[in-house]
C-alpha atoms as a PDB file:
ATOM      1  CA  MET A   1      38.849-155.357 154.645  1.00  0.00           C
ATOM      2  CA  SER A   2      40.940-153.052 152.511  1.00  0.00           C
ATOM      3  CA  PHE A   3      44.228-151.560 153.571  1.00  0.00           C
ATOM      4  CA  ALA A   4      42.736-148.048 153.777  1.00  0.00           C
ATOM      5  CA  ALA A   5      39.858-149.279 155.958  1.00  0.00           C
ATOM      6  CA  VAL A   6      42.278-150.981 158.366  1.00  0.00           C
ATOM      7  CA  ALA A   7      44.399-147.826 158.582  1.00  0.00           C
ATOM      8  CA  VAL A   8      41.336-145.645 159.244  1.00  0.00           C
ATOM      9  CA  ALA A   9      40.052-148.076 161.865  1.00  0.00           C
ATOM     10  CA  LEU A  10      43.407-148.114 163.616  1.00  0.00           C
ATOM     11  CA  LEU A  11      43.759-144.336 163.538  1.00  0.00           C
ATOM     12  CA  ALA A  12      40.228-143.936 164.904  1.00  0.00           C
ATOM     13  CA  GLN A  13      41.209-145.809 168.079  1.00  0.00           C
ATOM     14  CA  PRO A  14      41.694-143.403 170.971  1.00  0.00           C
ATOM     15  CA  GLN A  15      44.765-145.261 172.116  1.00  0.00           C
ATOM     16  CA  LEU A  16      47.137-147.540 170.364  1.00  0.00           C
ATOM     17  CA  GLU A  17      48.015-150.415 172.650  1.00  0.00           C
ATOM     18  CA  GLY A  18      48.895-154.024 172.301  1.00  0.00           C
ATOM     19  CA  VAL A  19      47.880-155.640 169.032  1.00  0.00           C
ATOM     20  CA  ASN A  20      46.512-152.402 167.587  1.00  0.00           C
ATOM     21  CA  TYR A  21      49.796-150.693 168.286  1.00  0.00           C
ATOM     22  CA  THR A  22      51.756-153.480 166.576  1.00  0.00           C
ATOM     23  CA  ILE A  23      49.476-153.531 163.510  1.00  0.00           C
ATOM     24  CA  PHE A  24      49.605-149.751 163.144  1.00  0.00           C
ATOM     25  CA  TRP A  25      53.394-149.577 163.179  1.00  0.00           C
ATOM     26  CA  THR A  26      53.646-152.609 160.898  1.00  0.00           C
ATOM     27  CA  VAL A  27      51.421-150.874 158.340  1.00  0.00           C
ATOM     28  CA  VAL A  28      53.401-147.643 158.647  1.00  0.00           C
ATOM     29  CA  GLY A  29      56.660-149.570 158.291  1.00  0.00           C
ATOM     30  CA  VAL A  30      55.415-151.399 155.192  1.00  0.00           C
ATOM     31  CA  LEU A  31      54.294-148.093 153.670  1.00  0.00           C
ATOM     32  CA  LEU A  32      57.695-146.549 154.352  1.00  0.00           C
ATOM     33  CA  VAL A  33      59.455-149.521 152.761  1.00  0.00           C
ATOM     34  CA  VAL A  34      57.193-149.354 149.666  1.00  0.00           C
ATOM     35  CA  ILE A  35      57.772-145.608 149.350  1.00  0.00           C
ATOM     36  CA  ALA A  36      61.542-146.089 149.754  1.00  0.00           C
ATOM     37  CA  ILE A  37      61.586-148.790 147.035  1.00  0.00           C
ATOM     38  CA  LEU A  38      59.584-146.591 144.633  1.00  0.00           C
ATOM     39  CA  VAL A  39      61.840-143.603 145.249  1.00  0.00           C
ATOM     40  CA  TRP A  40      64.955-145.741 144.850  1.00  0.00           C
ATOM     41  CA  ARG A  41      63.673-147.279 141.578  1.00  0.00           C
ATOM     42  CA  ASN A  42      62.925-143.843 140.179  1.00  0.00           C
ATOM     43  CA  PHE A  43      66.317-142.353 141.007  1.00  0.00           C
ATOM     44  CA  ALA A  44      68.377-145.505 140.534  1.00  0.00           C
ATOM     45  CA  LYS A  45      67.473-145.826 136.844  1.00  0.00           C
ATOM     46  CA  PRO A  46      70.558-145.225 134.766  1.00  0.00           C
ATOM     47  CA  LYS A  47      70.254-142.051 132.777  1.00  0.00           C
ATOM     48  CA  PRO A  48      71.194-142.537 129.131  1.00  0.00           C
ATOM     49  CA  ALA A  49      74.585-141.176 128.271  1.00  0.00           C
ATOM     50  CA  PRO A  50      74.680-138.624 125.460  1.00  0.00           C
ATOM     51  CA  SER A  51      76.060-141.307 123.137  1.00  0.00           C
ATOM     52  CA  ASP A  52      73.191-143.657 124.065  1.00  0.00           C
ATOM     53  CA  VAL A  53      70.598-141.185 122.809  1.00  0.00           C
ATOM     54  CA  VAL A  54      68.874-142.727 119.848  1.00  0.00           C
ATOM     55  CA  GLU A  55      68.541-140.308 116.962  1.00  0.00           C
ATOM     56  CA  PRO A  56      65.367-140.572 114.926  1.00  0.00           C
ATOM     57  CA  PRO A  57      65.981-142.245 111.585  1.00  0.00           C
ATOM     58  CA  GLU A  58      66.554-139.962 108.621  1.00  0.00           C
ATOM     59  CA  PRO A  59      63.624-139.770 106.254  1.00  0.00           C
ATOM     60  CA  VAL A  60      63.900-142.030 103.263  1.00  0.00           C
ATOM     61  CA  LYS A  61      64.926-140.159 100.134  1.00  0.00           C
ATOM     62  CA  PRO A  62      62.537-140.636  97.246  1.00  0.00           C
ATOM     63  CA  SER A  63      63.662-142.710  94.306  1.00  0.00           C
ATOM     64  CA  CYS A  64      65.710-140.780  91.786  1.00  0.00           C
ATOM     65  CA  GLU A  65      65.228-143.197  88.921  1.00  0.00           C
ATOM     66  CA  PRO A  66      63.080-140.699  86.964  1.00  0.00           C
ATOM     67  CA  LEU A  67      65.825-138.090  87.336  1.00  0.00           C
ATOM     68  CA  ARG A  68      68.407-140.331  85.646  1.00  0.00           C
ATOM     69  CA  LEU A  69      66.836-139.811  82.231  1.00  0.00           C
ATOM     70  CA  LEU A  70      66.639-136.061  82.852  1.00  0.00           C
ATOM     71  CA  ALA A  71      70.322-136.107  83.808  1.00  0.00           C
ATOM     72  CA  ILE A  72      71.144-137.935  80.550  1.00  0.00           C
ATOM     73  CA  LEU A  73      69.165-135.396  78.489  1.00  0.00           C
ATOM     74  CA  GLN A  74      70.974-132.566  80.298  1.00  0.00           C
ATOM     75  CA  ARG A  75      74.397-134.157  79.867  1.00  0.00           C
ATOM     76  CA  GLU A  76      73.930-135.011  76.184  1.00  0.00           C
ATOM     77  CA  GLY A  77      71.711-132.166  74.971  1.00  0.00           C
ATOM     78  CA  ARG A  78      71.728-129.458  77.676  1.00  0.00           C
ATOM     79  CA  LEU A  79      67.914-129.770  77.737  1.00  0.00           C
ATOM     80  CA  VAL A  80      67.463-128.386  81.277  1.00  0.00           C
ATOM     81  CA  ASP A  81      69.690-125.408  80.450  1.00  0.00           C
ATOM     82  CA  PHE A  82      67.557-124.692  77.394  1.00  0.00           C
ATOM     83  CA  PHE A  83      64.239-124.929  79.252  1.00  0.00           C
ATOM     84  CA  LEU A  84      65.413-122.762  82.146  1.00  0.00           C
ATOM     85  CA  GLU A  85      67.076-120.089  80.028  1.00  0.00           C
ATOM     86  CA  GLU A  86      65.105-116.934  79.237  1.00  0.00           C
ATOM     87  CA  ILE A  87      64.978-116.922  75.412  1.00  0.00           C
ATOM     88  CA  ASP A  88      62.738-113.909  74.725  1.00  0.00           C
ATOM     89  CA  ALA A  89      65.738-111.700  73.928  1.00  0.00           C
ATOM     90  CA  TYR A  90      67.043-114.066  71.207  1.00  0.00           C
ATOM     91  CA  THR A  91      65.942-113.974  67.584  1.00  0.00           C
ATOM     92  CA  ASP A  92      64.056-116.871  66.026  1.00  0.00           C
ATOM     93  CA  GLN A  93      67.183-117.767  64.036  1.00  0.00           C
ATOM     94  CA  GLN A  94      69.288-117.945  67.216  1.00  0.00           C
ATOM     95  CA  VAL A  95      66.677-120.088  69.000  1.00  0.00           C
ATOM     96  CA  GLY A  96      66.279-122.286  65.910  1.00  0.00           C
ATOM     97  CA  ALA A  97      70.032-122.874  65.654  1.00  0.00           C
ATOM     98  CA  ALA A  98      70.215-123.793  69.353  1.00  0.00           C
ATOM     99  CA  VAL A  99      67.180-126.070  69.131  1.00  0.00           C
ATOM    100  CA  ARG A 100      68.678-127.994  66.207  1.00  0.00           C
ATOM    101  CA  ASP A 101      71.694-129.052  68.330  1.00  0.00           C
ATOM    102  CA  ILE A 102      69.553-129.732  71.424  1.00  0.00           C
ATOM    103  CA  HIS A 103      67.137-131.827  69.348  1.00  0.00           C
ATOM    104  CA  ARG A 104      69.895-133.861  67.689  1.00  0.00           C
ATOM    105  CA  ASN A 105      71.679-134.605  70.978  1.00  0.00           C
ATOM    106  CA  CYS A 106      68.545-135.346  73.022  1.00  0.00           C
ATOM    107  CA  ARG A 107      67.157-137.604  70.259  1.00  0.00           C
ATOM    108  CA  LYS A 108      70.407-139.582  70.261  1.00  0.00           C
ATOM    109  CA  ALA A 109      70.275-139.864  74.075  1.00  0.00           C
ATOM    110  CA  LEU A 110      66.676-141.131  73.989  1.00  0.00           C
ATOM    111  CA  LEU A 111      67.463-143.688  71.288  1.00  0.00           C
ATOM    112  CA  ASP A 112      70.567-144.854  73.198  1.00  0.00           C
ATOM    113  CA  HIS A 113      68.794-145.308  76.542  1.00  0.00           C
ATOM    114  CA  LEU A 114      65.146-146.159  75.738  1.00  0.00           C
ATOM    115  CA  VAL A 115      63.447-148.585  73.423  1.00  0.00           C
ATOM    116  CA  LEU A 116      60.129-146.900  72.585  1.00  0.00           C
ATOM    117  CA  GLU A 117      57.105-148.280  70.774  1.00  0.00           C
ATOM    118  CA  PRO A 118      53.771-146.709  69.833  1.00  0.00           C
ATOM    119  CA  VAL A 119      50.854-147.401  72.191  1.00  0.00           C
ATOM    120  CA  LEU A 120      48.583-147.884  69.168  1.00  0.00           C
ATOM    121  CA  PRO A 121      50.216-149.263  66.002  1.00  0.00           C
ATOM    122  CA  GLU A 122      47.990-147.410  63.512  1.00  0.00           C
ATOM    123  CA  SER A 123      49.243-144.248  61.824  1.00  0.00           C
ATOM    124  CA  GLU A 124      48.031-140.854  62.951  1.00  0.00           C
ATOM    125  CA  GLY A 125      44.819-139.833  61.178  1.00  0.00           C
ATOM    126  CA  ALA A 126      43.552-143.432  60.936  1.00  0.00           C
ATOM    127  CA  GLN A 127      40.146-144.499  62.277  1.00  0.00           C
ATOM    128  CA  VAL A 128      40.568-146.626  65.412  1.00  0.00           C
ATOM    129  CA  THR A 129      38.256-148.347  67.873  1.00  0.00           C
ATOM    130  CA  VAL A 130      38.916-148.024  71.608  1.00  0.00           C
ATOM    131  CA  PRO A 131      37.526-151.208  73.195  1.00  0.00           C
ATOM    132  CA  ALA A 132      35.627-151.534  76.461  1.00  0.00           C
ATOM    133  CA  GLY A 133      37.997-151.970  79.401  1.00  0.00           C
ATOM    134  CA  PHE A 134      40.769-149.896  77.788  1.00  0.00           C
ATOM    135  CA  ASP A 135      43.613-148.580  79.952  1.00  0.00           C
ATOM    136  CA  PRO A 136      43.022-144.824  80.463  1.00  0.00           C
ATOM    137  CA  SER A 137      46.720-144.321  81.251  1.00  0.00           C
ATOM    138  CA  ALA A 138      47.555-145.636  77.764  1.00  0.00           C
ATOM    139  CA  VAL A 139      44.678-144.161  75.721  1.00  0.00           C
ATOM    140  CA  ARG A 140      43.117-140.731  76.312  1.00  0.00           C
ATOM    141  CA  VAL A 141      39.729-140.261  74.689  1.00  0.00           C
ATOM    142  CA  THR A 142      38.985-136.618  73.773  1.00  0.00           C
ATOM    143  CA  GLY A 143      36.313-134.712  71.902  1.00  0.00           C
ATOM    144  CA  ASN A 144      32.602-135.535  72.159  1.00  0.00           C
ATOM    145  CA  VAL A 145      32.812-138.389  74.683  1.00  0.00           C
ATOM    146  CA  THR A 146      29.346-139.758  75.454  1.00  0.00           C
ATOM    147  CA  GLY A 147      28.154-143.192  76.397  1.00  0.00           C
ATOM    148  CA  SER A 148      30.446-146.063  77.179  1.00  0.00           C
ATOM    149  CA  PRO A 149      33.077-147.888  75.086  1.00  0.00           C
ATOM    150  CA  PRO A 150      33.759-149.142  72.530  1.00  0.00           C
ATOM    151  CA  PHE A 151      34.505-145.722  70.998  1.00  0.00           C
ATOM    152  CA  THR A 152      35.439-145.067  67.380  1.00  0.00           C
ATOM    153  CA  GLY A 153      37.444-141.989  66.436  1.00  0.00           C
ATOM    154  CA  THR A 154      40.453-140.501  64.669  1.00  0.00           C
ATOM    155  CA  LEU A 155      43.908-141.275  66.032  1.00  0.00           C
ATOM    156  CA  ARG A 156      45.569-137.906  66.721  1.00  0.00           C
ATOM    157  CA  HIS A 157      48.726-139.281  68.384  1.00  0.00           C
ATOM    158  CA  HIS A 158      49.772-142.907  68.612  1.00  0.00           C
ATOM    159  CA  GLY A 159      51.334-142.414  72.069  1.00  0.00           C
ATOM    160  CA  TRP A 160      54.617-143.819  73.332  1.00  0.00           C
ATOM    161  CA  ARG A 161      55.381-146.701  75.665  1.00  0.00           C
ATOM    162  CA  VAL A 162      58.825-147.579  76.985  1.00  0.00           C
ATOM    163  CA  LYS A 163      59.544-151.153  75.959  1.00  0.00           C
ATOM    164  CA  GLU A 164      63.035-151.262  77.435  1.00  0.00           C
ATOM    165  CA  LEU A 165      64.974-148.925  79.718  1.00  0.00           C
ATOM    166  CA  LYS A 166      68.770-148.961  79.420  1.00  0.00           C
ATOM    167  CA  ILE A 167      69.830-146.601  82.200  1.00  0.00           C
ATOM    168  CA  THR A 168      72.468-147.750  84.646  1.00  0.00           C
ATOM    169  CA  PRO A 169      72.312-146.743  88.295  1.00  0.00           C
ATOM    170  CA  PRO A 170      74.778-144.082  89.444  1.00  0.00           C
ATOM    171  CA  PRO A 171      77.932-145.001  91.336  1.00  0.00           C
ATOM    172  CA  ALA A 172      77.525-145.574  95.070  1.00  0.00           C
ATOM    173  CA  GLY A 173      77.595-142.385  97.091  1.00  0.00           C
ATOM    174  CA  GLN A 174      76.680-140.090  94.199  1.00  0.00           C
ATOM    175  CA  ASP A 175      73.919-137.603  94.958  1.00  0.00           C
ATOM    176  CA  GLU A 176      71.151-138.660  92.591  1.00  0.00           C
ATOM    177  CA  PHE A 177      69.401-135.313  92.927  1.00  0.00           C
ATOM    178  CA  VAL A 178      72.228-133.606  91.063  1.00  0.00           C
ATOM    179  CA  VAL A 179      71.026-133.527  87.446  1.00  0.00           C
ATOM    180  CA  HIS A 180      74.227-131.877  86.268  1.00  0.00           C
ATOM    181  CA  PRO A 181      77.225-130.981  88.434  1.00  0.00           C
ATOM    182  CA  ALA A 182      78.472-127.427  88.703  1.00  0.00           C
ATOM    183  CA  GLU A 183      81.488-126.843  86.509  1.00  0.00           C
ATOM    184  CA  VAL A 184      84.409-124.799  87.788  1.00  0.00           C
ATOM    185  CA  GLU A 185      87.263-124.023  85.443  1.00  0.00           C
ATOM    186  CA  LEU A 186      90.562-123.438  87.151  1.00  0.00           C
ATOM    187  CA  SER A 187      93.137-121.050  85.701  1.00  0.00           C
END
């Protein structure tokens, strides 16, 4: 018999005497003890102190490795400044003079920090065959593309692949999202 059935049977008795009386008060006593333990466990739990509160972890910052080369091109050739400047008001001669310096400095930075090689060794304008199973990230087929490879066509650009990357990581604690620091001249 379940506990609830025993309690109902005992409460249904017109009088509680003898054994019934003892069982009834035993059940009530056990219930009171169980309730007291549950209440005590709920309120006796130590509340976390403010210093014990666990903060959620900070989101992981994305890798800034691609920004390092941009930072080098900005530092050496002011490339970001050039791209973000509004140049419509300048004459072609002024833009051309600025581009010559930017080109020279950025070219030097690229040659100092990257070893580049052509994706396809043939010269531009040559007839080339793109084999079956080619890497579409290395060769882009354009024009009248029908059927499946091998494809034969004219090489319009030989592409570039980085053979070696010579970029050192920034010093510890440096904000890698800063492509170029603000410059403040003191007087």
